[in-house]
N, C-alpha and C. Protein backbone atom coordinates (compact mmCIF):
# COMPACT_ATOMS: atom_id res chain seq x y z
N MET A 1 80.67 93.14 75.51
CA MET A 1 80.87 91.91 76.29
C MET A 1 81.96 92.06 77.35
N ASN A 2 82.86 93.04 77.14
CA ASN A 2 83.94 93.21 78.11
C ASN A 2 83.42 93.45 79.52
N GLU A 3 82.33 94.21 79.61
CA GLU A 3 81.76 94.51 80.92
C GLU A 3 81.27 93.24 81.62
N LEU A 4 80.64 92.35 80.85
CA LEU A 4 80.18 91.09 81.41
C LEU A 4 81.36 90.24 81.88
N TYR A 5 82.39 90.16 81.06
CA TYR A 5 83.58 89.39 81.43
C TYR A 5 84.25 89.98 82.67
N TRP A 6 84.22 91.32 82.76
CA TRP A 6 84.82 91.99 83.91
C TRP A 6 84.11 91.60 85.20
N VAL A 7 82.78 91.57 85.16
CA VAL A 7 81.99 91.18 86.33
C VAL A 7 82.27 89.72 86.68
N VAL A 8 82.33 88.86 85.67
CA VAL A 8 82.61 87.44 85.90
C VAL A 8 83.99 87.26 86.54
N MET A 9 85.00 87.97 86.01
CA MET A 9 86.34 87.87 86.57
C MET A 9 86.38 88.38 88.00
N LEU A 10 85.65 89.46 88.27
CA LEU A 10 85.60 90.02 89.61
C LEU A 10 85.02 88.99 90.59
N LEU A 11 83.92 88.36 90.20
CA LEU A 11 83.30 87.35 91.06
C LEU A 11 84.23 86.17 91.29
N PHE A 12 84.93 85.74 90.25
CA PHE A 12 85.89 84.65 90.40
C PHE A 12 86.98 85.01 91.40
N ASN A 13 87.47 86.24 91.32
CA ASN A 13 88.51 86.68 92.25
C ASN A 13 88.03 86.64 93.70
N PHE A 14 86.85 87.19 93.95
CA PHE A 14 86.29 87.17 95.30
C PHE A 14 86.06 85.73 95.76
N LEU A 15 85.55 84.90 94.86
CA LEU A 15 85.27 83.50 95.19
C LEU A 15 86.55 82.77 95.56
N PHE A 16 87.61 82.97 94.78
CA PHE A 16 88.87 82.28 95.04
C PHE A 16 89.48 82.70 96.38
N ILE A 17 89.37 83.98 96.72
CA ILE A 17 89.88 84.44 98.02
C ILE A 17 89.11 83.78 99.15
N ILE A 18 87.80 83.77 99.04
CA ILE A 18 86.96 83.20 100.10
C ILE A 18 87.18 81.69 100.22
N VAL A 19 87.31 81.01 99.09
CA VAL A 19 87.57 79.56 99.12
C VAL A 19 88.93 79.28 99.75
N ALA A 20 89.95 80.06 99.38
CA ALA A 20 91.28 79.87 99.96
C ALA A 20 91.24 80.10 101.47
N PHE A 21 90.50 81.11 101.91
CA PHE A 21 90.39 81.39 103.34
C PHE A 21 89.62 80.29 104.06
N ARG A 22 88.56 79.80 103.42
CA ARG A 22 87.73 78.74 104.02
C ARG A 22 88.50 77.43 104.16
N LEU A 23 89.34 77.14 103.17
CA LEU A 23 90.09 75.88 103.19
C LEU A 23 91.32 75.92 104.08
N TRP A 24 92.06 77.05 104.03
CA TRP A 24 93.35 77.08 104.70
C TRP A 24 93.53 78.25 105.67
N GLY A 25 92.48 79.02 105.91
CA GLY A 25 92.58 80.12 106.87
C GLY A 25 93.63 81.13 106.49
N LYS A 26 94.44 81.53 107.47
CA LYS A 26 95.48 82.53 107.25
C LYS A 26 96.42 82.12 106.11
N LEU A 27 96.78 80.86 106.07
CA LEU A 27 97.67 80.37 105.02
C LEU A 27 97.07 80.61 103.63
N GLY A 28 95.77 80.44 103.50
CA GLY A 28 95.11 80.66 102.21
C GLY A 28 95.28 82.08 101.72
N LEU A 29 95.26 83.04 102.64
CA LEU A 29 95.44 84.44 102.26
C LEU A 29 96.90 84.72 101.90
N PHE A 30 97.82 84.07 102.62
CA PHE A 30 99.24 84.19 102.25
C PHE A 30 99.49 83.61 100.86
N ILE A 31 98.75 82.57 100.51
CA ILE A 31 98.87 81.97 99.18
C ILE A 31 98.31 82.91 98.12
N TRP A 32 97.18 83.56 98.44
CA TRP A 32 96.51 84.40 97.45
C TRP A 32 97.34 85.63 97.06
N ILE A 33 98.06 86.21 98.00
CA ILE A 33 98.80 87.45 97.73
C ILE A 33 99.77 87.30 96.57
N PRO A 34 100.70 86.32 96.59
CA PRO A 34 101.61 86.20 95.43
C PRO A 34 100.87 85.82 94.15
N ILE A 35 99.80 85.02 94.26
CA ILE A 35 99.01 84.69 93.07
C ILE A 35 98.47 85.97 92.44
N SER A 36 97.87 86.82 93.25
CA SER A 36 97.25 88.04 92.73
C SER A 36 98.28 88.99 92.14
N VAL A 37 99.42 89.11 92.80
CA VAL A 37 100.46 90.03 92.32
C VAL A 37 101.04 89.57 90.99
N ILE A 38 101.33 88.28 90.89
CA ILE A 38 101.93 87.76 89.65
C ILE A 38 100.93 87.85 88.49
N ILE A 39 99.69 87.43 88.74
CA ILE A 39 98.68 87.48 87.67
C ILE A 39 98.42 88.92 87.25
N ALA A 40 98.35 89.84 88.21
CA ALA A 40 98.10 91.25 87.89
C ALA A 40 99.19 91.81 87.00
N ASN A 41 100.44 91.44 87.27
CA ASN A 41 101.55 91.96 86.49
C ASN A 41 101.60 91.37 85.09
N ILE A 42 100.97 90.23 84.88
CA ILE A 42 100.85 89.67 83.54
C ILE A 42 99.65 90.29 82.81
N GLN A 43 98.52 90.36 83.50
CA GLN A 43 97.31 90.88 82.88
C GLN A 43 97.41 92.37 82.55
N VAL A 44 98.23 93.10 83.30
CA VAL A 44 98.30 94.54 83.11
C VAL A 44 98.87 94.90 81.73
N THR A 45 99.51 93.93 81.06
CA THR A 45 100.05 94.20 79.73
C THR A 45 98.95 94.25 78.67
N LYS A 46 97.74 93.82 79.03
CA LYS A 46 96.63 93.82 78.08
C LYS A 46 95.73 95.04 78.33
N THR A 47 95.49 95.81 77.29
CA THR A 47 94.64 97.00 77.38
C THR A 47 93.27 96.68 76.78
N ILE A 48 92.22 97.10 77.48
CA ILE A 48 90.86 96.83 77.03
C ILE A 48 90.03 98.11 77.11
N GLU A 49 88.85 98.07 76.49
CA GLU A 49 87.88 99.15 76.64
C GLU A 49 86.78 98.64 77.56
N LEU A 50 86.54 99.41 78.62
CA LEU A 50 85.59 98.99 79.65
C LEU A 50 84.74 100.17 80.07
N PHE A 51 83.42 100.03 79.91
CA PHE A 51 82.49 101.13 80.24
C PHE A 51 82.92 102.42 79.52
N THR A 52 83.29 102.28 78.26
CA THR A 52 83.74 103.36 77.37
C THR A 52 85.10 103.94 77.77
N LEU A 53 85.76 103.35 78.75
CA LEU A 53 87.07 103.82 79.19
C LEU A 53 88.14 102.83 78.76
N GLU A 54 89.31 103.34 78.44
CA GLU A 54 90.43 102.45 78.14
C GLU A 54 91.15 102.13 79.44
N ALA A 55 91.34 100.85 79.69
CA ALA A 55 91.92 100.43 80.97
C ALA A 55 92.81 99.21 80.78
N THR A 56 93.67 98.97 81.77
CA THR A 56 94.47 97.76 81.76
C THR A 56 93.72 96.67 82.52
N LEU A 57 93.98 95.43 82.16
CA LEU A 57 93.18 94.33 82.68
C LEU A 57 93.55 93.92 84.10
N GLY A 58 94.76 94.22 84.54
CA GLY A 58 95.22 93.70 85.83
C GLY A 58 94.63 94.36 87.06
N ASN A 59 93.78 95.39 86.86
CA ASN A 59 93.28 96.14 88.01
C ASN A 59 92.44 95.32 88.97
N ILE A 60 91.67 94.36 88.44
CA ILE A 60 90.76 93.60 89.29
C ILE A 60 91.53 92.75 90.29
N VAL A 61 92.38 91.87 89.76
CA VAL A 61 93.06 90.93 90.64
C VAL A 61 94.01 91.66 91.59
N TYR A 62 94.62 92.76 91.11
CA TYR A 62 95.50 93.52 92.00
C TYR A 62 94.69 94.16 93.14
N ALA A 63 93.54 94.73 92.81
CA ALA A 63 92.73 95.39 93.82
C ALA A 63 92.23 94.41 94.88
N THR A 64 92.00 93.15 94.50
CA THR A 64 91.50 92.18 95.47
C THR A 64 92.56 91.79 96.49
N SER A 65 93.83 92.08 96.22
CA SER A 65 94.87 91.77 97.21
C SER A 65 94.68 92.62 98.47
N PHE A 66 94.03 93.77 98.33
CA PHE A 66 93.75 94.62 99.48
C PHE A 66 92.69 93.97 100.38
N LEU A 67 91.77 93.23 99.78
CA LEU A 67 90.78 92.50 100.58
C LEU A 67 91.49 91.46 101.44
N ALA A 68 92.46 90.77 100.87
CA ALA A 68 93.19 89.73 101.61
C ALA A 68 93.94 90.33 102.80
N THR A 69 94.62 91.45 102.60
CA THR A 69 95.37 92.05 103.71
C THR A 69 94.43 92.65 104.76
N ASP A 70 93.27 93.14 104.34
CA ASP A 70 92.29 93.66 105.31
C ASP A 70 91.72 92.53 106.17
N ILE A 71 91.47 91.38 105.57
CA ILE A 71 91.00 90.22 106.35
C ILE A 71 92.07 89.81 107.36
N LEU A 72 93.31 89.78 106.92
CA LEU A 72 94.41 89.44 107.83
C LEU A 72 94.50 90.44 108.99
N SER A 73 94.36 91.73 108.68
CA SER A 73 94.43 92.76 109.71
C SER A 73 93.29 92.63 110.72
N GLU A 74 92.08 92.35 110.22
CA GLU A 74 90.91 92.26 111.08
C GLU A 74 90.89 90.99 111.92
N CYS A 75 91.20 89.86 111.30
CA CYS A 75 91.06 88.57 111.97
C CYS A 75 92.30 88.12 112.72
N TYR A 76 93.45 88.62 112.31
CA TYR A 76 94.69 88.14 112.93
C TYR A 76 95.48 89.33 113.50
N SER A 77 96.39 89.88 112.75
CA SER A 77 97.17 91.00 113.28
C SER A 77 97.76 91.84 112.16
N LYS A 78 98.21 93.03 112.54
CA LYS A 78 98.87 93.91 111.58
C LYS A 78 100.16 93.27 111.07
N GLU A 79 100.84 92.54 111.94
CA GLU A 79 102.09 91.89 111.55
C GLU A 79 101.86 90.80 110.51
N ASP A 80 100.76 90.07 110.64
CA ASP A 80 100.43 89.05 109.64
C ASP A 80 100.15 89.70 108.29
N ALA A 81 99.45 90.82 108.31
CA ALA A 81 99.16 91.53 107.06
C ALA A 81 100.44 92.03 106.42
N LYS A 82 101.36 92.55 107.22
CA LYS A 82 102.65 93.01 106.70
C LYS A 82 103.42 91.86 106.08
N LYS A 83 103.39 90.71 106.75
CA LYS A 83 104.10 89.54 106.23
C LYS A 83 103.57 89.18 104.84
N ALA A 84 102.26 89.27 104.66
CA ALA A 84 101.66 88.96 103.36
C ALA A 84 102.14 89.95 102.29
N VAL A 85 102.26 91.22 102.67
CA VAL A 85 102.75 92.24 101.73
C VAL A 85 104.19 91.94 101.33
N TYR A 86 105.02 91.57 102.30
CA TYR A 86 106.42 91.26 102.00
C TYR A 86 106.52 90.04 101.09
N ILE A 87 105.64 89.06 101.30
CA ILE A 87 105.61 87.88 100.42
C ILE A 87 105.26 88.30 99.00
N GLY A 88 104.27 89.19 98.86
CA GLY A 88 103.88 89.68 97.55
C GLY A 88 105.00 90.45 96.87
N PHE A 89 105.68 91.29 97.64
CA PHE A 89 106.80 92.08 97.11
C PHE A 89 107.91 91.15 96.62
N PHE A 90 108.23 90.15 97.42
CA PHE A 90 109.26 89.18 97.05
C PHE A 90 108.87 88.42 95.78
N SER A 91 107.60 88.05 95.68
CA SER A 91 107.15 87.29 94.50
C SER A 91 107.26 88.12 93.23
N MET A 92 107.02 89.44 93.33
CA MET A 92 107.16 90.32 92.16
C MET A 92 108.60 90.35 91.68
N ILE A 93 109.53 90.45 92.62
CA ILE A 93 110.95 90.49 92.27
C ILE A 93 111.39 89.17 91.66
N VAL A 94 110.99 88.06 92.29
CA VAL A 94 111.37 86.74 91.80
C VAL A 94 110.85 86.52 90.38
N MET A 95 109.58 86.85 90.14
CA MET A 95 109.02 86.67 88.80
C MET A 95 109.78 87.49 87.76
N SER A 96 110.05 88.76 88.09
CA SER A 96 110.75 89.63 87.15
C SER A 96 112.14 89.10 86.82
N VAL A 97 112.88 88.68 87.84
CA VAL A 97 114.25 88.21 87.63
C VAL A 97 114.26 86.89 86.85
N LEU A 98 113.49 85.90 87.30
CA LEU A 98 113.54 84.59 86.66
C LEU A 98 113.01 84.60 85.23
N MET A 99 111.96 85.38 84.97
CA MET A 99 111.43 85.42 83.61
C MET A 99 112.38 86.15 82.66
N ASN A 100 113.10 87.15 83.18
CA ASN A 100 114.05 87.85 82.31
C ASN A 100 115.31 87.04 82.07
N VAL A 101 115.69 86.21 83.04
CA VAL A 101 116.79 85.26 82.80
C VAL A 101 116.36 84.25 81.75
N ALA A 102 115.11 83.80 81.82
CA ALA A 102 114.60 82.83 80.83
C ALA A 102 114.65 83.41 79.42
N LEU A 103 114.45 84.71 79.29
CA LEU A 103 114.47 85.34 77.97
C LEU A 103 115.88 85.40 77.37
N LEU A 104 116.89 85.22 78.20
CA LEU A 104 118.26 85.25 77.71
C LEU A 104 118.61 84.00 76.91
N PHE A 105 117.90 82.91 77.16
CA PHE A 105 118.15 81.67 76.43
C PHE A 105 117.80 81.85 74.96
N THR A 106 118.65 81.36 74.09
CA THR A 106 118.37 81.41 72.66
C THR A 106 117.33 80.35 72.31
N PRO A 107 116.21 80.76 71.74
CA PRO A 107 115.15 79.79 71.43
C PRO A 107 115.56 78.88 70.26
N SER A 108 115.06 77.67 70.25
CA SER A 108 115.33 76.75 69.15
C SER A 108 114.52 77.17 67.92
N GLU A 109 114.83 76.56 66.81
CA GLU A 109 114.14 76.91 65.57
C GLU A 109 112.65 76.56 65.62
N SER A 110 112.31 75.55 66.43
CA SER A 110 110.91 75.14 66.52
C SER A 110 110.12 75.95 67.54
N ASP A 111 110.81 76.82 68.29
CA ASP A 111 110.13 77.61 69.33
C ASP A 111 109.14 78.59 68.71
N PHE A 112 107.98 78.74 69.38
CA PHE A 112 106.98 79.68 68.88
C PHE A 112 106.44 80.61 69.97
N VAL A 113 107.05 80.56 71.17
CA VAL A 113 106.53 81.39 72.27
C VAL A 113 107.50 82.48 72.73
N HIS A 114 108.75 82.43 72.28
CA HIS A 114 109.75 83.37 72.80
C HIS A 114 109.35 84.83 72.57
N THR A 115 108.88 85.14 71.39
CA THR A 115 108.50 86.53 71.08
C THR A 115 107.35 87.00 71.97
N SER A 116 106.39 86.11 72.18
CA SER A 116 105.25 86.46 73.04
C SER A 116 105.70 86.65 74.49
N MET A 117 106.57 85.75 74.96
CA MET A 117 107.10 85.87 76.32
C MET A 117 107.88 87.18 76.48
N LYS A 118 108.62 87.53 75.45
CA LYS A 118 109.42 88.76 75.51
C LYS A 118 108.51 89.98 75.61
N THR A 119 107.42 89.96 74.87
CA THR A 119 106.47 91.07 74.91
C THR A 119 105.89 91.25 76.30
N ILE A 120 105.59 90.13 76.97
CA ILE A 120 104.93 90.19 78.27
C ILE A 120 105.90 90.41 79.42
N PHE A 121 107.04 89.71 79.40
CA PHE A 121 107.90 89.66 80.58
C PHE A 121 109.18 90.48 80.50
N GLN A 122 109.52 90.99 79.30
CA GLN A 122 110.78 91.73 79.21
C GLN A 122 110.78 92.89 80.18
N LEU A 123 111.85 92.97 80.94
CA LEU A 123 111.94 93.96 82.00
C LEU A 123 111.93 95.37 81.44
N MET A 124 110.96 96.16 81.91
CA MET A 124 110.92 97.58 81.59
C MET A 124 111.20 98.30 82.91
N PRO A 125 112.45 98.72 83.12
CA PRO A 125 112.89 99.20 84.43
C PRO A 125 111.96 100.21 85.08
N ARG A 126 111.48 101.18 84.32
CA ARG A 126 110.67 102.24 84.90
C ARG A 126 109.32 101.71 85.39
N ILE A 127 108.68 100.88 84.57
CA ILE A 127 107.38 100.33 84.95
C ILE A 127 107.53 99.34 86.09
N THR A 128 108.59 98.54 86.06
CA THR A 128 108.83 97.59 87.15
C THR A 128 109.07 98.32 88.46
N LEU A 129 109.87 99.38 88.41
CA LEU A 129 110.12 100.19 89.61
C LEU A 129 108.83 100.82 90.11
N ALA A 130 108.01 101.31 89.19
CA ALA A 130 106.73 101.91 89.57
C ALA A 130 105.83 100.90 90.26
N SER A 131 105.79 99.69 89.73
CA SER A 131 104.96 98.63 90.31
C SER A 131 105.41 98.29 91.72
N LEU A 132 106.72 98.13 91.90
CA LEU A 132 107.26 97.74 93.21
C LEU A 132 107.02 98.83 94.26
N ILE A 133 107.30 100.08 93.90
CA ILE A 133 107.12 101.17 94.85
C ILE A 133 105.65 101.37 95.19
N ALA A 134 104.80 101.41 94.16
CA ALA A 134 103.37 101.62 94.38
C ALA A 134 102.78 100.50 95.23
N TYR A 135 103.17 99.26 94.95
CA TYR A 135 102.66 98.12 95.71
C TYR A 135 103.06 98.22 97.18
N ALA A 136 104.36 98.42 97.43
CA ALA A 136 104.85 98.44 98.80
C ALA A 136 104.23 99.57 99.61
N VAL A 137 104.23 100.77 99.05
CA VAL A 137 103.72 101.95 99.77
C VAL A 137 102.22 101.83 100.02
N SER A 138 101.46 101.47 99.00
CA SER A 138 100.00 101.43 99.14
C SER A 138 99.55 100.31 100.07
N GLN A 139 100.18 99.15 99.98
CA GLN A 139 99.77 98.03 100.83
C GLN A 139 100.13 98.28 102.29
N LEU A 140 101.32 98.79 102.55
CA LEU A 140 101.71 99.08 103.93
C LEU A 140 100.86 100.21 104.51
N HIS A 141 100.51 101.18 103.66
CA HIS A 141 99.62 102.25 104.12
C HIS A 141 98.24 101.70 104.44
N ASP A 142 97.76 100.76 103.64
CA ASP A 142 96.45 100.15 103.88
C ASP A 142 96.41 99.49 105.26
N ILE A 143 97.47 98.77 105.59
CA ILE A 143 97.55 98.11 106.89
C ILE A 143 97.57 99.13 108.02
N TYR A 144 98.37 100.18 107.83
CA TYR A 144 98.48 101.25 108.84
C TYR A 144 97.14 101.95 109.02
N ALA A 145 96.50 102.32 107.91
CA ALA A 145 95.22 103.04 107.97
C ALA A 145 94.13 102.17 108.59
N PHE A 146 94.11 100.89 108.23
CA PHE A 146 93.11 99.98 108.79
C PHE A 146 93.22 99.92 110.31
N ALA A 147 94.46 99.81 110.81
CA ALA A 147 94.69 99.73 112.26
C ALA A 147 94.27 101.03 112.95
N LYS A 148 94.57 102.17 112.32
CA LYS A 148 94.22 103.47 112.91
C LYS A 148 92.70 103.64 112.98
N ILE A 149 92.02 103.28 111.90
CA ILE A 149 90.56 103.41 111.88
C ILE A 149 89.94 102.46 112.89
N LYS A 150 90.52 101.27 113.04
CA LYS A 150 89.98 100.29 113.99
C LYS A 150 90.08 100.78 115.43
N LYS A 151 91.12 101.55 115.74
CA LYS A 151 91.26 102.10 117.09
C LYS A 151 90.13 103.09 117.39
N VAL A 152 89.74 103.85 116.37
CA VAL A 152 88.69 104.86 116.55
C VAL A 152 87.30 104.23 116.44
N LEU A 153 87.16 103.29 115.49
CA LEU A 153 85.86 102.64 115.24
C LEU A 153 86.03 101.12 115.33
N PRO A 154 86.10 100.59 116.55
CA PRO A 154 86.40 99.15 116.72
C PRO A 154 85.20 98.22 116.54
N SER A 155 84.00 98.78 116.52
CA SER A 155 82.80 97.95 116.45
C SER A 155 82.70 97.19 115.13
N ASN A 156 82.06 96.02 115.20
CA ASN A 156 81.88 95.20 114.00
C ASN A 156 81.00 95.92 112.97
N ARG A 157 80.09 96.78 113.44
CA ARG A 157 79.21 97.48 112.51
C ARG A 157 79.98 98.53 111.71
N HIS A 158 81.19 98.86 112.17
CA HIS A 158 82.02 99.82 111.45
C HIS A 158 83.07 99.13 110.58
N LEU A 159 82.95 97.82 110.43
CA LEU A 159 83.92 97.08 109.62
C LEU A 159 83.97 97.61 108.20
N TRP A 160 82.82 97.96 107.64
CA TRP A 160 82.79 98.47 106.26
C TRP A 160 83.57 99.77 106.12
N ILE A 161 83.59 100.59 107.20
CA ILE A 161 84.35 101.83 107.16
C ILE A 161 85.85 101.53 107.18
N ARG A 162 86.24 100.58 108.05
CA ARG A 162 87.66 100.20 108.12
C ARG A 162 88.12 99.63 106.78
N ASN A 163 87.30 98.75 106.22
CA ASN A 163 87.65 98.08 104.98
C ASN A 163 87.75 99.07 103.81
N ASN A 164 86.69 99.84 103.62
CA ASN A 164 86.65 100.76 102.48
C ASN A 164 87.51 102.00 102.69
N GLY A 165 87.52 102.53 103.90
CA GLY A 165 88.30 103.74 104.17
C GLY A 165 89.78 103.53 103.93
N SER A 166 90.32 102.45 104.49
CA SER A 166 91.75 102.19 104.33
C SER A 166 92.09 101.87 102.88
N THR A 167 91.23 101.07 102.24
CA THR A 167 91.53 100.64 100.87
C THR A 167 91.43 101.78 99.86
N LEU A 168 90.40 102.60 99.98
CA LEU A 168 90.20 103.68 99.00
C LEU A 168 91.35 104.70 99.04
N ILE A 169 91.82 105.02 100.24
CA ILE A 169 92.95 105.95 100.35
C ILE A 169 94.22 105.30 99.80
N SER A 170 94.42 104.03 100.14
CA SER A 170 95.63 103.33 99.71
C SER A 170 95.64 103.12 98.20
N GLN A 171 94.48 102.83 97.64
CA GLN A 171 94.40 102.68 96.18
C GLN A 171 94.67 104.01 95.47
N LEU A 172 94.27 105.10 96.10
CA LEU A 172 94.56 106.42 95.56
C LEU A 172 96.07 106.64 95.50
N LEU A 173 96.75 106.31 96.60
CA LEU A 173 98.21 106.41 96.64
C LEU A 173 98.84 105.54 95.57
N ASP A 174 98.34 104.31 95.44
CA ASP A 174 98.87 103.36 94.47
C ASP A 174 98.76 103.91 93.05
N SER A 175 97.59 104.43 92.72
CA SER A 175 97.36 104.95 91.36
C SER A 175 98.21 106.17 91.06
N ILE A 176 98.35 107.07 92.03
CA ILE A 176 99.16 108.27 91.83
C ILE A 176 100.63 107.90 91.63
N LEU A 177 101.14 107.06 92.53
CA LEU A 177 102.56 106.69 92.46
C LEU A 177 102.89 105.95 91.17
N PHE A 178 102.05 104.96 90.83
CA PHE A 178 102.35 104.18 89.62
C PHE A 178 102.29 105.06 88.37
N THR A 179 101.26 105.89 88.26
CA THR A 179 101.09 106.72 87.07
C THR A 179 102.25 107.70 86.91
N LEU A 180 102.64 108.36 87.99
CA LEU A 180 103.71 109.35 87.91
C LEU A 180 105.07 108.71 87.65
N ILE A 181 105.39 107.64 88.38
CA ILE A 181 106.70 107.01 88.22
C ILE A 181 106.83 106.34 86.86
N ALA A 182 105.77 105.69 86.41
CA ALA A 182 105.83 104.94 85.16
C ALA A 182 105.72 105.82 83.93
N PHE A 183 104.92 106.89 84.01
CA PHE A 183 104.56 107.59 82.76
C PHE A 183 104.83 109.09 82.74
N TYR A 184 105.31 109.68 83.86
CA TYR A 184 105.56 111.12 83.85
C TYR A 184 106.66 111.45 82.84
N GLY A 185 106.39 112.41 81.97
CA GLY A 185 107.36 112.76 80.94
C GLY A 185 107.18 111.97 79.66
N VAL A 186 106.43 110.88 79.76
CA VAL A 186 106.15 110.04 78.58
C VAL A 186 104.89 110.54 77.89
N PHE A 187 103.86 110.83 78.71
CA PHE A 187 102.60 111.33 78.18
C PHE A 187 102.35 112.76 78.66
N GLU A 188 101.46 113.45 77.97
CA GLU A 188 101.06 114.78 78.41
C GLU A 188 100.22 114.67 79.67
N MET A 189 100.09 115.77 80.40
CA MET A 189 99.42 115.74 81.71
C MET A 189 97.97 115.31 81.60
N ASN A 190 97.26 115.71 80.55
CA ASN A 190 95.85 115.31 80.43
C ASN A 190 95.72 113.80 80.20
N THR A 191 96.70 113.22 79.48
CA THR A 191 96.70 111.77 79.29
C THR A 191 97.03 111.06 80.60
N LEU A 192 97.99 111.60 81.34
CA LEU A 192 98.34 111.04 82.65
C LEU A 192 97.12 111.04 83.58
N PHE A 193 96.39 112.16 83.56
CA PHE A 193 95.20 112.26 84.41
C PHE A 193 94.15 111.24 84.00
N HIS A 194 94.00 111.03 82.71
CA HIS A 194 93.03 110.04 82.21
C HIS A 194 93.42 108.63 82.67
N ILE A 195 94.70 108.30 82.55
CA ILE A 195 95.19 106.98 82.99
C ILE A 195 94.93 106.81 84.48
N PHE A 196 95.27 107.85 85.26
CA PHE A 196 95.08 107.81 86.71
C PHE A 196 93.61 107.62 87.08
N MET A 197 92.73 108.43 86.49
CA MET A 197 91.31 108.37 86.83
C MET A 197 90.69 107.03 86.45
N THR A 198 91.02 106.54 85.28
CA THR A 198 90.47 105.25 84.84
C THR A 198 90.89 104.14 85.79
N THR A 199 92.19 104.11 86.10
CA THR A 199 92.73 103.09 87.00
C THR A 199 92.08 103.17 88.37
N TYR A 200 92.00 104.38 88.91
CA TYR A 200 91.48 104.53 90.26
C TYR A 200 89.99 104.23 90.35
N LEU A 201 89.22 104.67 89.38
CA LEU A 201 87.77 104.42 89.41
C LEU A 201 87.45 102.93 89.43
N LEU A 202 88.17 102.16 88.63
CA LEU A 202 87.94 100.71 88.60
C LEU A 202 88.32 100.07 89.94
N LYS A 203 89.39 100.56 90.54
CA LYS A 203 89.81 100.04 91.85
C LYS A 203 88.79 100.40 92.93
N VAL A 204 88.19 101.58 92.82
CA VAL A 204 87.15 102.00 93.77
C VAL A 204 85.95 101.05 93.70
N VAL A 205 85.54 100.72 92.49
CA VAL A 205 84.41 99.80 92.31
C VAL A 205 84.71 98.45 92.95
N VAL A 206 85.91 97.93 92.70
CA VAL A 206 86.29 96.64 93.27
C VAL A 206 86.30 96.72 94.79
N ALA A 207 86.85 97.80 95.34
CA ALA A 207 86.93 97.97 96.79
C ALA A 207 85.54 98.00 97.43
N LEU A 208 84.61 98.69 96.81
CA LEU A 208 83.25 98.78 97.38
C LEU A 208 82.52 97.44 97.29
N LEU A 209 82.74 96.72 96.20
CA LEU A 209 82.04 95.44 96.01
C LEU A 209 82.60 94.31 96.86
N ASP A 210 83.80 94.49 97.41
CA ASP A 210 84.37 93.39 98.21
C ASP A 210 83.86 93.38 99.65
N THR A 211 83.07 94.41 100.04
CA THR A 211 82.60 94.54 101.43
C THR A 211 81.82 93.32 101.92
N PRO A 212 80.85 92.77 101.17
CA PRO A 212 80.13 91.58 101.67
C PRO A 212 81.06 90.40 101.92
N PHE A 213 82.10 90.26 101.12
CA PHE A 213 83.04 89.15 101.28
C PHE A 213 83.91 89.36 102.52
N MET A 214 84.19 90.62 102.82
CA MET A 214 84.92 90.94 104.05
C MET A 214 84.11 90.53 105.27
N TYR A 215 82.80 90.86 105.26
CA TYR A 215 81.93 90.50 106.38
C TYR A 215 81.80 88.98 106.51
N LEU A 216 81.71 88.29 105.38
CA LEU A 216 81.60 86.84 105.40
C LEU A 216 82.83 86.21 106.04
N ALA A 217 84.01 86.66 105.62
CA ALA A 217 85.26 86.11 106.14
C ALA A 217 85.39 86.36 107.64
N VAL A 218 85.09 87.58 108.07
CA VAL A 218 85.19 87.93 109.49
C VAL A 218 84.17 87.15 110.31
N ASN A 219 82.98 86.96 109.77
CA ASN A 219 81.95 86.18 110.46
C ASN A 219 82.39 84.74 110.66
N TRP A 220 82.99 84.15 109.63
CA TRP A 220 83.53 82.79 109.77
C TRP A 220 84.56 82.71 110.88
N HIS A 221 85.42 83.71 110.92
CA HIS A 221 86.49 83.69 111.93
C HIS A 221 85.93 83.87 113.34
N LYS A 222 84.96 84.76 113.50
CA LYS A 222 84.37 85.00 114.82
C LYS A 222 83.63 83.78 115.34
N LYS A 223 83.04 83.01 114.43
CA LYS A 223 82.31 81.81 114.82
C LYS A 223 83.21 80.57 114.89
N ASN A 224 84.49 80.80 114.77
CA ASN A 224 85.50 79.71 114.83
C ASN A 224 85.32 78.66 113.74
N VAL A 225 84.66 79.06 112.66
CA VAL A 225 84.58 78.15 111.50
C VAL A 225 85.98 78.02 110.91
N ILE A 226 86.73 79.13 110.99
CA ILE A 226 88.11 79.17 110.52
C ILE A 226 88.97 79.61 111.70
N PRO A 227 89.99 78.84 112.07
CA PRO A 227 90.82 79.19 113.23
C PRO A 227 91.68 80.43 112.96
């Protein structure tokens, strides 16, 4: 059933991005970025078996943040896409700091959530650092790569190349950086490679499946349905 739930969650993510863009345009995408980053960092604590592979759950919503920045790059500007990345980076730091301050409070005798909150939000410096570095580098690279590809292939019929080309390379960077920074020296190299491959393959699937939604968003913008 995990595979079915994965597809359902994927569709919900794409739907929410498109609805946010349809309702609020550029602002909707700025709203989606911190939502996706915060949810991904919570969901990533849950490990599941998917298509016979062991994976973390946060890969879907995190991968869809690249769709949001690609739409911003295509419809607006590279600077708008960068602003969205900085908002996402800031939201990650704010969540980590505020939730860890919350854990410092002594729970009352009737409290029943402190232990669960501690499991999910307690700061793990190495993993937090890995998340921040991987996010910043991969997202900024995605924006850079998208702009470079657009200069060479500016036609609308090449939109799928800009979207997938920039995202697939950037997701590769993200997976390599996160796996090495978070887990190098903790696991053996074959385990590290397994974690990397599982993470990256799922992100590739998400990146390829978001292409129709990219075309839909750009089409709305070109027809002035969305300013």
